[in-house]
């Protein structure tokens, strides 16, 4: 994984939308993808100290985006931003 670029987590259950985000952002950012809330929390926990931005779908098939954002907001080591889409 290239850590020279800022690391962002994109959480989107629709593959077409994930593909658009990757196409638009991959030149500037290192991207981690999650397709549901649990995957997002797992990825967030794994890369907690490195993630600088979370782009987060609200309507996810398992845990909704608001709950995922709350997990991020309450993590002591997270100093990035979460943006809901």
C-alpha atoms as a PDB file:
ATOM      1  CA  UNK A   1       0.000   0.000   0.000  1.00  0.00           C
ATOM      2  CA  UNK A   2       1.327   3.429  -0.952  1.00  0.00           C
ATOM      3  CA  UNK A   3       1.468   5.571   2.192  1.00  0.00           C
ATOM      4  CA  UNK A   4       3.050   8.525   0.385  1.00  0.00           C
ATOM      5  CA  UNK A   5      -0.476   9.629  -0.571  1.00  0.00           C
ATOM      6  CA  UNK A   6      -3.178  10.400   2.015  1.00  0.00           C
ATOM      7  CA  UNK A   7      -5.268   7.357   2.915  1.00  0.00           C
ATOM      8  CA  UNK A   8      -9.058   7.453   2.605  1.00  0.00           C
ATOM      9  CA  UNK A   9     -11.740   4.886   3.341  1.00  0.00           C
ATOM     10  CA  UNK A  10     -14.655   4.757   0.905  1.00  0.00           C
ATOM     11  CA  UNK A  11     -17.745   2.970   2.193  1.00  0.00           C
ATOM     12  CA  UNK A  12     -20.298   2.301  -0.536  1.00  0.00           C
ATOM     13  CA  UNK A  13     -22.443  -0.773  -1.147  1.00  0.00           C
ATOM     14  CA  UNK A  14     -23.031  -0.064  -4.844  1.00  0.00           C
ATOM     15  CA  UNK A  15     -20.135  -1.270  -6.981  1.00  0.00           C
ATOM     16  CA  UNK A  16     -20.695   1.334  -9.715  1.00  0.00           C
ATOM     17  CA  UNK A  17     -20.444   4.137  -7.156  1.00  0.00           C
ATOM     18  CA  UNK A  18     -17.273   2.663  -5.640  1.00  0.00           C
ATOM     19  CA  UNK A  19     -15.764   2.496  -9.131  1.00  0.00           C
ATOM     20  CA  UNK A  20     -16.537   6.188  -9.737  1.00  0.00           C
ATOM     21  CA  UNK A  21     -14.898   7.206  -6.453  1.00  0.00           C
ATOM     22  CA  UNK A  22     -11.806   5.132  -7.236  1.00  0.00           C
ATOM     23  CA  UNK A  23     -11.538   6.566 -10.746  1.00  0.00           C
ATOM     24  CA  UNK A  24     -11.852  10.147  -9.486  1.00  0.00           C
ATOM     25  CA  UNK A  25      -9.633   9.894  -6.414  1.00  0.00           C
ATOM     26  CA  UNK A  26      -6.990   7.211  -6.924  1.00  0.00           C
ATOM     27  CA  UNK A  27      -4.411   9.536  -8.501  1.00  0.00           C
ATOM     28  CA  UNK A  28      -4.370  11.694  -5.380  1.00  0.00           C
ATOM     29  CA  UNK A  29      -5.240   9.259  -2.581  1.00  0.00           C
ATOM     30  CA  UNK A  30      -4.526   5.730  -1.467  1.00  0.00           C
ATOM     31  CA  UNK A  31      -7.973   4.170  -1.226  1.00  0.00           C
ATOM     32  CA  UNK A  32      -9.371   1.463   1.020  1.00  0.00           C
ATOM     33  CA  UNK A  33     -12.819   0.165   0.085  1.00  0.00           C
ATOM     34  CA  UNK A  34     -15.639  -1.262   2.174  1.00  0.00           C
ATOM     35  CA  UNK A  35     -19.011  -2.415   0.845  1.00  0.00           C
ATOM     36  CA  UNK A  36     -20.928  -2.466   4.135  1.00  0.00           C
ATOM     37  CA  UNK A  37     -20.831  -1.054   7.635  1.00  0.00           C
ATOM     38  CA  UNK A  38     -19.083  -3.982   9.291  1.00  0.00           C
ATOM     39  CA  UNK A  39     -16.352  -4.003   6.654  1.00  0.00           C
ATOM     40  CA  UNK A  40     -15.957  -0.254   7.201  1.00  0.00           C
ATOM     41  CA  UNK A  41     -15.518  -0.685  10.944  1.00  0.00           C
ATOM     42  CA  UNK A  42     -13.022  -3.508  10.372  1.00  0.00           C
ATOM     43  CA  UNK A  43     -10.997  -1.451   7.871  1.00  0.00           C
ATOM     44  CA  UNK A  44     -11.215   1.606  10.097  1.00  0.00           C
ATOM     45  CA  UNK A  45      -9.876  -0.373  13.052  1.00  0.00           C
ATOM     46  CA  UNK A  46      -7.070  -1.824  10.955  1.00  0.00           C
ATOM     47  CA  UNK A  47      -5.884   1.521   9.536  1.00  0.00           C
ATOM     48  CA  UNK A  48      -7.051   3.826  12.346  1.00  0.00           C
ATOM     49  CA  UNK A  49      -3.888   5.898  12.651  1.00  0.00           C
ATOM     50  CA  UNK A  50      -3.495   6.345   8.898  1.00  0.00           C
ATOM     51  CA  UNK A  51      -6.987   7.172   7.581  1.00  0.00           C
ATOM     52  CA  UNK A  52      -7.456  10.875   6.963  1.00  0.00           C
ATOM     53  CA  UNK A  53     -10.906  10.848   5.371  1.00  0.00           C
ATOM     54  CA  UNK A  54     -13.931   8.552   5.306  1.00  0.00           C
ATOM     55  CA  UNK A  55     -16.465   8.899   2.486  1.00  0.00           C
ATOM     56  CA  UNK A  56     -19.473   7.115   3.846  1.00  0.00           C
ATOM     57  CA  UNK A  57     -22.782   6.017   2.325  1.00  0.00           C
ATOM     58  CA  UNK A  58     -25.654   6.405   4.792  1.00  0.00           C
ATOM     59  CA  UNK A  59     -27.834   3.596   3.404  1.00  0.00           C
ATOM     60  CA  UNK A  60     -25.774   0.458   3.888  1.00  0.00           C
ATOM     61  CA  UNK A  61     -27.176  -3.090   3.947  1.00  0.00           C
ATOM     62  CA  UNK A  62     -26.143  -3.926   7.518  1.00  0.00           C
ATOM     63  CA  UNK A  63     -24.963  -1.142   9.847  1.00  0.00           C
ATOM     64  CA  UNK A  64     -26.108   2.275   8.654  1.00  0.00           C
ATOM     65  CA  UNK A  65     -23.617   5.002   7.880  1.00  0.00           C
ATOM     66  CA  UNK A  66     -24.591   7.099  10.886  1.00  0.00           C
ATOM     67  CA  UNK A  67     -23.526   4.295  13.245  1.00  0.00           C
ATOM     68  CA  UNK A  68     -20.233   3.855  11.392  1.00  0.00           C
ATOM     69  CA  UNK A  69     -19.614   7.609  11.660  1.00  0.00           C
ATOM     70  CA  UNK A  70     -20.251   7.430  15.412  1.00  0.00           C
ATOM     71  CA  UNK A  71     -17.659   4.680  15.773  1.00  0.00           C
ATOM     72  CA  UNK A  72     -15.135   6.874  13.933  1.00  0.00           C
ATOM     73  CA  UNK A  73     -16.045   9.973  15.935  1.00  0.00           C
ATOM     74  CA  UNK A  74     -15.459   8.173  19.230  1.00  0.00           C
ATOM     75  CA  UNK A  75     -12.100   6.665  18.310  1.00  0.00           C
ATOM     76  CA  UNK A  76      -9.348   8.379  20.274  1.00  0.00           C
ATOM     77  CA  UNK A  77      -6.736   8.045  17.550  1.00  0.00           C
ATOM     78  CA  UNK A  78      -8.854   9.261  14.611  1.00  0.00           C
ATOM     79  CA  UNK A  79      -8.124  12.860  13.711  1.00  0.00           C
ATOM     80  CA  UNK A  80      -9.558  12.789  10.184  1.00  0.00           C
ATOM     81  CA  UNK A  81     -12.962  13.650   8.799  1.00  0.00           C
ATOM     82  CA  UNK A  82     -16.028  11.562   7.956  1.00  0.00           C
ATOM     83  CA  UNK A  83     -18.243  12.797   5.121  1.00  0.00           C
ATOM     84  CA  UNK A  84     -21.607  11.138   4.523  1.00  0.00           C
ATOM     85  CA  UNK A  85     -22.762  10.698   0.922  1.00  0.00           C
END
